């Protein structure tokens, strides 16, 4: 009996626990083990192995947005360095804010390509550091420091051009009856300035009732003042009679009352070359120390009618 043939390695059985993808024939070219001559054999394998080698290591899985590469980060400030926004081509790992007052806040919970912060007065940012992927960018803010604008208003009767309320004065300016209820806020822009001697001046009369019924207590406000940077800090009102009042913008001048003595010489202001006027002056100052003023020149006429 002839000895059993010894088959070369290409004929070995493929283990059954290997994962296959599709059925396919497999060809092997080599020496015939019985005759010693060349032979092309067709092996019908159950499937074709996916891996190039049974001993090859599996490929590493890609993690979407893994952040292990560089990112493109942009940032911008607004509202006088109180607002900050950042955008990145990858998720943002953290934003570290360095405030002008010395505080530092780090946010590591963003996990998003976009970041936005809306700050308020006193929350000015000096610079911000943003990390996304392997990239870290720093953004510094340059304050604009724009000047404020002051707006002074006085409570008066309505300007409806009657003798009992307010009307244009014959020599220029505006006059109002002091005994009429005061329901309108009037600013200097509403006072006629047409070139007369009294142009731009405000006159108080007390013509109809006895003088005792006329009130010389005036009410002013400056809440119409503004600042492009939104950082108004303080205000003051000079009543032109040697008295004044001031405060911080945390308590703005919403309704400030002041009692005048209605006689010639009670005030020391001058306007259009006319002395003894009450030139009320509002001054507002921002956090950068820049100031602006608005004035209301006024006088008292016919305070003791016959």
Protein backbone atom coordinates (compact mmCIF):
# COMPACT_ATOMS: atom_id res chain seq x y z
CA UNK A 1 0.00 0.00 0.00
CA UNK A 2 1.39 3.36 -1.03
CA UNK A 3 2.16 5.85 1.71
CA UNK A 4 -0.31 8.69 2.17
CA UNK A 5 0.52 11.76 0.19
CA UNK A 6 1.89 14.75 2.12
CA UNK A 7 0.18 17.94 0.93
CA UNK A 8 2.02 21.27 1.00
CA UNK A 9 0.86 24.21 3.15
CA UNK A 10 -1.41 25.73 0.45
CA UNK A 11 -3.82 22.81 0.94
CA UNK A 12 -4.22 23.28 4.68
CA UNK A 13 -7.75 23.82 5.96
CA UNK A 14 -8.74 27.37 6.80
CA UNK A 15 -10.06 27.67 10.38
CA UNK A 16 -13.84 27.90 10.51
CA UNK A 17 -13.95 30.77 13.00
CA UNK A 18 -12.40 33.28 10.54
CA UNK A 19 -14.85 35.95 9.37
CA UNK A 20 -15.45 35.89 5.58
CA UNK A 21 -17.22 38.30 3.28
CA UNK A 22 -18.24 36.43 0.09
CA UNK A 23 -18.03 33.00 -1.60
CA UNK A 24 -15.29 32.85 -4.29
CA UNK A 25 -13.03 30.23 -5.98
CA UNK A 26 -9.35 30.21 -5.07
CA UNK A 27 -6.59 28.98 -7.47
CA UNK A 28 -3.19 27.59 -6.45
CA UNK A 29 -0.26 26.97 -8.79
CA UNK A 30 2.53 24.62 -7.73
CA UNK A 31 4.02 21.08 -7.86
CA UNK A 32 1.72 18.10 -8.08
CA UNK A 33 2.47 16.07 -4.88
CA UNK A 34 1.85 12.73 -6.64
CA UNK A 35 3.66 13.13 -9.98
CA UNK A 36 6.14 15.90 -9.15
CA UNK A 37 5.00 17.83 -12.24
CA UNK A 38 3.43 21.33 -12.44
CA UNK A 39 -0.18 21.58 -11.55
CA UNK A 40 -2.88 24.32 -11.42
CA UNK A 41 -5.50 23.38 -8.90
CA UNK A 42 -8.83 25.04 -8.22
CA UNK A 43 -9.83 25.09 -4.57
CA UNK A 44 -13.41 25.86 -3.66
CA UNK A 45 -13.04 27.86 -0.45
CA UNK A 46 -16.12 28.71 1.56
CA UNK A 47 -15.42 32.46 1.26
CA UNK A 48 -12.70 35.02 0.63
CA UNK A 49 -10.99 36.32 3.73
CA UNK A 50 -11.29 40.10 4.14
CA UNK A 51 -7.95 40.58 5.79
CA UNK A 52 -4.83 40.35 3.65
CA UNK A 53 -3.21 38.10 6.27
CA UNK A 54 -4.67 36.12 9.12
CA UNK A 55 -2.04 37.60 11.39
CA UNK A 56 -2.63 41.27 10.38
CA UNK A 57 -3.76 43.70 13.15
CA UNK A 58 -7.20 45.35 12.76
CA UNK A 59 -7.25 49.01 11.55
CA UNK A 60 -7.79 51.80 14.15
CA UNK A 61 -11.24 53.40 14.12
CA UNK A 62 -11.47 57.20 13.20
CA UNK A 63 -13.18 59.32 15.82
CA UNK A 64 -15.33 62.08 14.24
CA UNK A 65 -14.28 65.53 15.45
CA UNK A 66 -11.62 64.08 17.66
CA UNK A 67 -9.89 67.47 17.97
CA UNK A 68 -6.36 66.05 17.61
CA UNK A 69 -5.46 68.45 14.79
CA UNK A 70 -5.18 72.18 14.18
CA UNK A 71 -8.30 74.38 13.94
CA UNK A 72 -9.10 77.78 12.46
CA UNK A 73 -10.39 80.12 15.17
CA UNK A 74 -11.84 83.63 14.76
CA UNK A 75 -12.96 86.02 17.51
CA UNK A 76 -14.50 89.48 17.86
CA UNK A 77 -15.44 91.93 20.61
CA UNK A 78 -18.41 94.32 20.79
CA UNK A 79 -20.12 96.76 23.20
CA UNK A 80 -16.90 98.31 24.47
CA UNK A 81 -15.20 94.95 25.13
CA UNK A 82 -18.13 93.56 27.15
CA UNK A 83 -19.31 91.10 24.48
CA UNK A 84 -17.13 88.38 22.94
CA UNK A 85 -17.86 85.78 20.26
CA UNK A 86 -15.63 83.03 18.84
CA UNK A 87 -16.06 80.56 15.98
CA UNK A 88 -13.89 77.55 15.12
CA UNK A 89 -13.66 74.87 12.45
CA UNK A 90 -13.73 72.29 15.30
CA UNK A 91 -15.41 72.13 18.70
CA UNK A 92 -14.05 74.69 21.17
CA UNK A 93 -12.38 73.08 24.18
CA UNK A 94 -12.31 76.17 26.39
CA UNK A 95 -12.53 79.97 26.47
CA UNK A 96 -10.59 81.85 29.13
CA UNK A 97 -11.66 85.46 29.71
CA UNK A 98 -9.30 87.97 31.34
CA UNK A 99 -11.27 90.97 32.60
CA UNK A 100 -9.96 94.53 32.83
CA UNK A 101 -10.68 94.50 36.55
CA UNK A 102 -8.29 91.58 37.08
CA UNK A 103 -10.70 88.64 37.19
CA UNK A 104 -10.25 85.48 35.11
CA UNK A 105 -13.06 83.10 34.11
CA UNK A 106 -12.48 79.83 32.24
CA UNK A 107 -15.33 77.96 30.54
CA UNK A 108 -14.51 74.33 29.68
CA UNK A 109 -18.09 73.21 29.03
CA UNK A 110 -18.58 74.62 25.52
CA UNK A 111 -18.10 71.51 23.32
CA UNK A 112 -19.39 73.44 20.29
CA UNK A 113 -17.76 75.33 17.37
CA UNK A 114 -19.47 78.60 18.46
CA UNK A 115 -19.15 80.64 21.66
CA UNK A 116 -20.88 83.93 22.56
CA UNK A 117 -20.90 86.06 25.73
CA UNK A 118 -23.09 89.15 26.34
CA UNK A 119 -21.56 91.16 29.19
CA UNK A 120 -22.72 94.28 31.00
CA UNK A 121 -21.29 97.48 32.51
CA UNK A 122 -18.23 96.76 34.61
CA UNK A 123 -17.54 93.49 32.72
CA UNK A 124 -15.03 94.84 30.21
CA UNK A 125 -12.71 92.13 28.87
CA UNK A 126 -9.00 92.76 28.41
CA UNK A 127 -8.29 89.64 26.33
CA UNK A 128 -9.68 86.15 25.65
CA UNK A 129 -7.89 82.83 25.05
CA UNK A 130 -9.62 80.17 22.93
CA UNK A 131 -8.54 76.53 22.45
CA UNK A 132 -9.92 74.30 19.70
CA UNK A 133 -8.25 71.09 18.53
CA UNK A 134 -4.52 71.63 19.01
CA UNK A 135 -4.80 75.37 18.30
CA UNK A 136 -4.79 78.12 20.94
CA UNK A 137 -5.55 81.72 19.90
CA UNK A 138 -5.51 84.90 21.98
CA UNK A 139 -7.75 87.90 21.17
CA UNK A 140 -7.16 91.34 22.72
CA UNK A 141 -9.77 94.10 22.84
CA UNK A 142 -8.99 97.75 22.13
CA UNK A 143 -11.65 100.02 23.73
CA UNK A 144 -13.14 102.72 21.51
CA UNK A 145 -13.52 105.27 24.34
CA UNK A 146 -16.10 107.38 22.48
CA UNK A 147 -17.29 110.58 24.16
CA UNK A 148 -20.70 110.72 25.88
CA UNK A 149 -23.60 113.01 24.98
CA UNK A 150 -25.50 115.02 27.61
CA UNK A 151 -29.21 115.82 27.29
CA UNK A 152 -30.91 118.12 29.79
CA UNK A 153 -34.71 118.43 29.96
CA UNK A 154 -37.05 120.51 32.14
CA UNK A 155 -40.65 119.82 33.08
CA UNK A 156 -42.88 122.54 31.57
CA UNK A 157 -46.44 123.12 30.40
CA UNK A 158 -47.05 121.82 26.86
CA UNK A 159 -45.73 123.93 23.99
CA UNK A 160 -49.10 124.50 22.32
CA UNK A 161 -48.63 128.25 21.68
CA UNK A 162 -51.26 129.70 24.01
CA UNK A 163 -50.92 132.36 26.72
CA UNK A 164 -51.76 129.83 29.43
CA UNK A 165 -49.07 127.32 28.43
CA UNK A 166 -45.88 127.89 26.38
CA UNK A 167 -45.37 130.00 23.27
CA UNK A 168 -42.62 131.67 21.27
CA UNK A 169 -41.29 134.81 22.93
CA UNK A 170 -41.45 137.98 20.82
CA UNK A 171 -37.70 138.69 21.19
CA UNK A 172 -36.73 135.08 20.57
CA UNK A 173 -36.68 132.03 22.75
CA UNK A 174 -39.67 130.51 24.57
CA UNK A 175 -41.86 131.63 27.46
CA UNK A 176 -44.13 129.53 29.72
CA UNK A 177 -46.80 130.35 32.30
CA UNK A 178 -45.55 129.18 35.70
CA UNK A 179 -49.03 128.59 37.14
CA UNK A 180 -50.03 126.02 34.49
CA UNK A 181 -49.59 122.30 35.27
CA UNK A 182 -46.30 121.00 33.92
CA UNK A 183 -46.79 117.83 31.92
CA UNK A 184 -44.15 117.98 29.12
CA UNK A 185 -40.39 117.46 29.11
CA UNK A 186 -38.72 120.27 27.17
CA UNK A 187 -35.12 120.40 25.95
CA UNK A 188 -33.09 123.26 24.52
CA UNK A 189 -33.63 122.08 20.94
CA UNK A 190 -37.32 123.06 21.35
CA UNK A 191 -36.46 126.64 22.32
CA UNK A 192 -36.53 128.92 19.24
CA UNK A 193 -33.15 130.30 18.22
CA UNK A 194 -34.08 132.70 15.44
CA UNK A 195 -31.58 135.49 15.92
CA UNK A 196 -33.46 137.74 18.38
CA UNK A 197 -31.91 139.13 21.55
CA UNK A 198 -33.48 136.37 23.63
CA UNK A 199 -32.92 133.53 21.13
CA UNK A 200 -32.36 130.20 22.80
CA UNK A 201 -33.51 131.51 26.21
CA UNK A 202 -36.30 130.09 28.35
CA UNK A 203 -38.58 132.59 30.17
CA UNK A 204 -40.93 131.92 33.08
CA UNK A 205 -43.94 134.23 33.54
CA UNK A 206 -46.52 134.46 36.30
CA UNK A 207 -49.25 136.56 34.67
CA UNK A 208 -52.71 135.24 35.54
CA UNK A 209 -53.05 134.27 39.23
CA UNK A 210 -51.54 136.12 42.16
CA UNK A 211 -47.80 135.47 42.50
CA UNK A 212 -48.29 133.18 45.49
CA UNK A 213 -49.90 130.61 43.18
CA UNK A 214 -46.86 130.38 40.92
CA UNK A 215 -44.31 127.69 41.74
CA UNK A 216 -40.64 128.43 41.20
CA UNK A 217 -39.62 124.87 41.98
CA UNK A 218 -38.27 123.39 38.78
CA UNK A 219 -37.86 119.73 37.83
CA UNK A 220 -35.01 118.55 35.63
CA UNK A 221 -33.84 115.23 34.22
CA UNK A 222 -30.81 113.96 32.32
CA UNK A 223 -31.80 110.37 31.57
CA UNK A 224 -31.76 111.12 27.83
CA UNK A 225 -27.97 111.32 28.01
CA UNK A 226 -26.05 108.53 26.31
CA UNK A 227 -22.65 107.08 25.55
CA UNK A 228 -21.69 104.95 22.51
CA UNK A 229 -19.69 102.69 24.83
CA UNK A 230 -22.54 102.41 27.32
CA UNK A 231 -20.27 103.34 30.24
CA UNK A 232 -21.70 106.53 31.72
CA UNK A 233 -20.36 106.76 35.25
CA UNK A 234 -21.36 110.04 36.94
CA UNK A 235 -23.56 113.13 36.52
CA UNK A 236 -23.93 116.58 38.05
CA UNK A 237 -26.43 119.44 37.83
CA UNK A 238 -25.34 123.04 38.44
CA UNK A 239 -28.39 125.25 39.08
CA UNK A 240 -26.45 128.52 38.50
CA UNK A 241 -27.50 129.97 41.85
CA UNK A 242 -24.55 128.68 43.84
CA UNK A 243 -26.02 125.21 44.40
CA UNK A 244 -25.55 121.91 42.63
CA UNK A 245 -26.24 118.18 42.99
CA UNK A 246 -24.42 115.10 41.67
CA UNK A 247 -24.50 111.30 41.66
CA UNK A 248 -23.44 108.12 39.92
CA UNK A 249 -25.14 106.74 36.83
CA UNK A 250 -26.33 103.83 38.93
CA UNK A 251 -28.92 106.36 40.15
CA UNK A 252 -29.36 108.61 37.10
CA UNK A 253 -30.99 112.06 37.29
CA UNK A 254 -34.55 110.97 36.50
CA UNK A 255 -36.41 113.80 38.32
CA UNK A 256 -34.34 116.36 40.16
CA UNK A 257 -36.25 119.27 41.74
CA UNK A 258 -34.82 122.62 42.75
CA UNK A 259 -36.51 125.67 44.28
CA UNK A 260 -35.41 129.06 42.89
CA UNK A 261 -35.75 132.49 44.46
CA UNK A 262 -37.57 134.42 41.69
CA UNK A 263 -35.87 137.77 41.83
CA UNK A 264 -33.27 139.54 39.78
CA UNK A 265 -29.80 138.52 40.85
CA UNK A 266 -30.79 135.11 42.25
CA UNK A 267 -28.71 133.49 39.49
CA UNK A 268 -25.32 134.48 38.16
CA UNK A 269 -25.35 132.98 34.68
CA UNK A 270 -24.88 134.91 31.43
CA UNK A 271 -26.29 134.09 27.97
CA UNK A 272 -26.49 136.25 24.83
CA UNK A 273 -24.80 138.97 26.87
CA UNK A 274 -27.73 139.04 29.32
CA UNK A 275 -26.65 138.76 33.00
CA UNK A 276 -28.45 137.26 36.02
CA UNK A 277 -29.83 134.26 34.17
CA UNK A 278 -30.12 130.76 35.57
CA UNK A 279 -27.98 128.74 33.16
CA UNK A 280 -28.68 125.22 34.37
CA UNK A 281 -25.86 122.85 33.33
CA UNK A 282 -25.92 119.06 33.18
CA UNK A 283 -22.53 117.30 33.02
CA UNK A 284 -22.16 113.57 32.37
CA UNK A 285 -18.87 111.65 32.57
CA UNK A 286 -18.03 108.16 31.33
CA UNK A 287 -15.75 105.50 32.81
CA UNK A 288 -12.83 106.78 30.73
CA UNK A 289 -13.13 110.26 32.27
CA UNK A 290 -14.61 111.93 29.18
CA UNK A 291 -17.35 114.49 29.83
CA UNK A 292 -20.14 116.28 27.97
CA UNK A 293 -22.48 119.11 28.97
CA UNK A 294 -25.90 120.47 28.07
CA UNK A 295 -27.38 123.74 29.30
CA UNK A 296 -30.79 125.37 29.73
CA UNK A 297 -30.56 129.21 30.06
CA UNK A 298 -33.69 130.57 31.75
CA UNK A 299 -34.95 133.72 33.46
CA UNK A 300 -37.95 134.81 35.54
CA UNK A 301 -40.12 137.64 34.22
CA UNK A 302 -43.21 139.40 35.68
CA UNK A 303 -42.98 137.45 38.91
CA UNK A 304 -44.87 140.11 40.84
CA UNK A 305 -47.56 141.40 38.40
CA UNK A 306 -49.73 144.40 39.34
